[in-house]
Amino acid sequence: MERYQVTDTQGKRHKNDPNDWLREVEKPTYILDLLLSIINVSVQTVDIVAGLPKVKFE
């Protein structure tokens, strides 16, 4: 999420605002969609790992 923060380079006129890009491509929910995808993959991973057989080491 830190990649999608508004940053301002000190002493320069450049401002990095990901919201500008979101407005340009007319997809204002892009960052939220990314976050929801990460949550979905995490939940599915937990389900898969929970369904794996137990392994016993001697």
N, C-alpha and C. Protein backbone atom coordinates (compact mmCIF):
# COMPACT_ATOMS: atom_id res chain seq x y z
N MET A 1 0.82 -1.19 0.00
CA MET A 1 0.00 0.00 0.00
C MET A 1 0.87 1.26 0.00
N GLU A 2 2.09 1.14 0.51
CA GLU A 2 2.93 2.34 0.56
C GLU A 2 3.29 2.85 -0.82
N ARG A 3 3.21 2.01 -1.84
CA ARG A 3 3.48 2.44 -3.21
C ARG A 3 2.39 3.38 -3.73
N TYR A 4 1.23 3.33 -3.13
CA TYR A 4 0.10 4.13 -3.61
C TYR A 4 -0.18 5.34 -2.72
N GLN A 5 0.86 5.83 -2.06
CA GLN A 5 0.73 7.04 -1.26
C GLN A 5 1.07 8.25 -2.10
N VAL A 6 0.51 9.37 -1.72
CA VAL A 6 0.88 10.63 -2.37
C VAL A 6 2.22 11.04 -1.78
N THR A 7 3.21 11.23 -2.65
CA THR A 7 4.53 11.65 -2.18
C THR A 7 4.93 12.92 -2.90
N ASP A 8 5.74 13.69 -2.23
CA ASP A 8 6.23 14.94 -2.79
C ASP A 8 7.74 14.97 -2.62
N THR A 9 8.47 15.05 -3.72
CA THR A 9 9.91 15.11 -3.66
C THR A 9 10.32 16.48 -3.14
N GLN A 10 11.09 16.49 -2.09
CA GLN A 10 11.48 17.76 -1.47
C GLN A 10 12.33 18.59 -2.42
N GLY A 11 12.02 19.85 -2.50
CA GLY A 11 12.80 20.77 -3.31
C GLY A 11 12.54 20.69 -4.80
N LYS A 12 11.60 19.86 -5.21
CA LYS A 12 11.29 19.73 -6.63
C LYS A 12 9.80 19.96 -6.84
N ARG A 13 9.44 20.16 -8.08
CA ARG A 13 8.04 20.40 -8.40
C ARG A 13 7.27 19.12 -8.67
N HIS A 14 7.94 17.99 -8.61
CA HIS A 14 7.29 16.72 -8.94
C HIS A 14 6.51 16.19 -7.74
N LYS A 15 5.27 15.84 -8.00
CA LYS A 15 4.42 15.26 -6.98
C LYS A 15 3.91 13.93 -7.52
N ASN A 16 4.13 12.86 -6.79
CA ASN A 16 3.67 11.54 -7.20
C ASN A 16 2.33 11.26 -6.54
N ASP A 17 1.28 11.38 -7.32
CA ASP A 17 -0.07 11.16 -6.81
C ASP A 17 -0.75 10.06 -7.64
N PRO A 18 -0.85 8.84 -7.09
CA PRO A 18 -1.47 7.75 -7.84
C PRO A 18 -2.93 8.03 -8.20
N ASN A 19 -3.56 8.92 -7.46
CA ASN A 19 -4.95 9.26 -7.76
C ASN A 19 -5.08 9.95 -9.11
N ASP A 20 -4.03 10.65 -9.55
CA ASP A 20 -4.05 11.25 -10.88
C ASP A 20 -4.20 10.18 -11.95
N TRP A 21 -3.42 9.11 -11.82
CA TRP A 21 -3.50 8.02 -12.80
C TRP A 21 -4.87 7.35 -12.76
N LEU A 22 -5.40 7.17 -11.55
CA LEU A 22 -6.72 6.54 -11.42
C LEU A 22 -7.80 7.35 -12.13
N ARG A 23 -7.68 8.67 -12.06
CA ARG A 23 -8.64 9.53 -12.75
C ARG A 23 -8.43 9.47 -14.26
N GLU A 24 -7.17 9.39 -14.70
CA GLU A 24 -6.88 9.33 -16.14
C GLU A 24 -7.48 8.09 -16.79
N VAL A 25 -7.37 6.95 -16.14
CA VAL A 25 -7.88 5.70 -16.72
C VAL A 25 -9.32 5.43 -16.32
N GLU A 26 -9.90 6.36 -15.56
CA GLU A 26 -11.30 6.27 -15.13
C GLU A 26 -11.60 4.96 -14.40
N LYS A 27 -10.70 4.61 -13.50
CA LYS A 27 -10.90 3.42 -12.68
C LYS A 27 -10.59 3.76 -11.22
N PRO A 28 -11.49 4.49 -10.57
CA PRO A 28 -11.22 4.98 -9.22
C PRO A 28 -11.14 3.89 -8.15
N THR A 29 -11.60 2.70 -8.45
CA THR A 29 -11.57 1.62 -7.45
C THR A 29 -10.38 0.70 -7.61
N TYR A 30 -9.40 1.09 -8.43
CA TYR A 30 -8.25 0.22 -8.73
C TYR A 30 -7.51 -0.24 -7.47
N ILE A 31 -7.18 0.67 -6.59
CA ILE A 31 -6.43 0.31 -5.38
C ILE A 31 -7.27 -0.57 -4.47
N LEU A 32 -8.53 -0.26 -4.33
CA LEU A 32 -9.42 -1.10 -3.53
C LEU A 32 -9.52 -2.50 -4.14
N ASP A 33 -9.62 -2.58 -5.46
CA ASP A 33 -9.67 -3.88 -6.14
C ASP A 33 -8.40 -4.70 -5.87
N LEU A 34 -7.24 -4.03 -5.88
CA LEU A 34 -5.99 -4.72 -5.57
C LEU A 34 -6.01 -5.27 -4.14
N LEU A 35 -6.44 -4.45 -3.21
CA LEU A 35 -6.50 -4.88 -1.81
C LEU A 35 -7.45 -6.06 -1.63
N LEU A 36 -8.60 -6.00 -2.29
CA LEU A 36 -9.56 -7.11 -2.19
C LEU A 36 -8.99 -8.39 -2.81
N SER A 37 -8.22 -8.25 -3.86
CA SER A 37 -7.58 -9.42 -4.48
C SER A 37 -6.59 -10.06 -3.52
N ILE A 38 -5.81 -9.24 -2.83
CA ILE A 38 -4.84 -9.76 -1.86
C ILE A 38 -5.56 -10.48 -0.72
N ILE A 39 -6.64 -9.91 -0.25
CA ILE A 39 -7.42 -10.55 0.82
C ILE A 39 -7.98 -11.87 0.34
N ASN A 40 -8.50 -11.90 -0.88
CA ASN A 40 -9.07 -13.12 -1.44
C ASN A 40 -8.02 -14.22 -1.54
N VAL A 41 -6.85 -13.90 -2.06
CA VAL A 41 -5.78 -14.89 -2.19
C VAL A 41 -5.35 -15.38 -0.81
N SER A 42 -5.28 -14.50 0.16
CA SER A 42 -4.90 -14.89 1.51
C SER A 42 -5.90 -15.87 2.12
N VAL A 43 -7.18 -15.58 1.96
CA VAL A 43 -8.23 -16.46 2.50
C VAL A 43 -8.17 -17.82 1.81
N GLN A 44 -8.01 -17.83 0.50
CA GLN A 44 -7.93 -19.10 -0.23
C GLN A 44 -6.70 -19.90 0.19
N THR A 45 -5.60 -19.22 0.43
CA THR A 45 -4.38 -19.90 0.87
C THR A 45 -4.58 -20.56 2.23
N VAL A 46 -5.22 -19.85 3.15
CA VAL A 46 -5.50 -20.42 4.47
C VAL A 46 -6.38 -21.66 4.33
N ASP A 47 -7.39 -21.60 3.47
CA ASP A 47 -8.27 -22.75 3.25
C ASP A 47 -7.49 -23.94 2.69
N ILE A 48 -6.63 -23.70 1.73
CA ILE A 48 -5.84 -24.78 1.12
C ILE A 48 -4.90 -25.40 2.15
N VAL A 49 -4.20 -24.55 2.91
CA VAL A 49 -3.26 -25.06 3.91
C VAL A 49 -4.01 -25.85 4.99
N ALA A 50 -5.18 -25.39 5.38
CA ALA A 50 -5.97 -26.11 6.39
C ALA A 50 -6.41 -27.47 5.88
N GLY A 51 -6.59 -27.61 4.58
CA GLY A 51 -7.03 -28.87 4.01
C GLY A 51 -5.92 -29.86 3.71
N LEU A 52 -4.69 -29.45 3.87
CA LEU A 52 -3.56 -30.36 3.63
C LEU A 52 -3.47 -31.40 4.71
N PRO A 53 -3.03 -32.61 4.36
CA PRO A 53 -2.89 -33.64 5.39
C PRO A 53 -1.75 -33.29 6.35
N LYS A 54 -1.89 -33.77 7.57
CA LYS A 54 -0.86 -33.54 8.59
C LYS A 54 0.36 -34.38 8.25
N VAL A 55 1.52 -33.81 8.45
CA VAL A 55 2.76 -34.52 8.21
C VAL A 55 3.46 -34.70 9.55
N LYS A 56 3.85 -35.94 9.85
CA LYS A 56 4.53 -36.23 11.12
C LYS A 56 6.00 -36.50 10.82
N PHE A 57 6.84 -35.87 11.59
CA PHE A 57 8.28 -36.07 11.47
C PHE A 57 8.75 -36.89 12.65
N GLU A 58 9.68 -37.76 12.39
CA GLU A 58 10.20 -38.61 13.48
C GLU A 58 11.47 -38.04 14.02
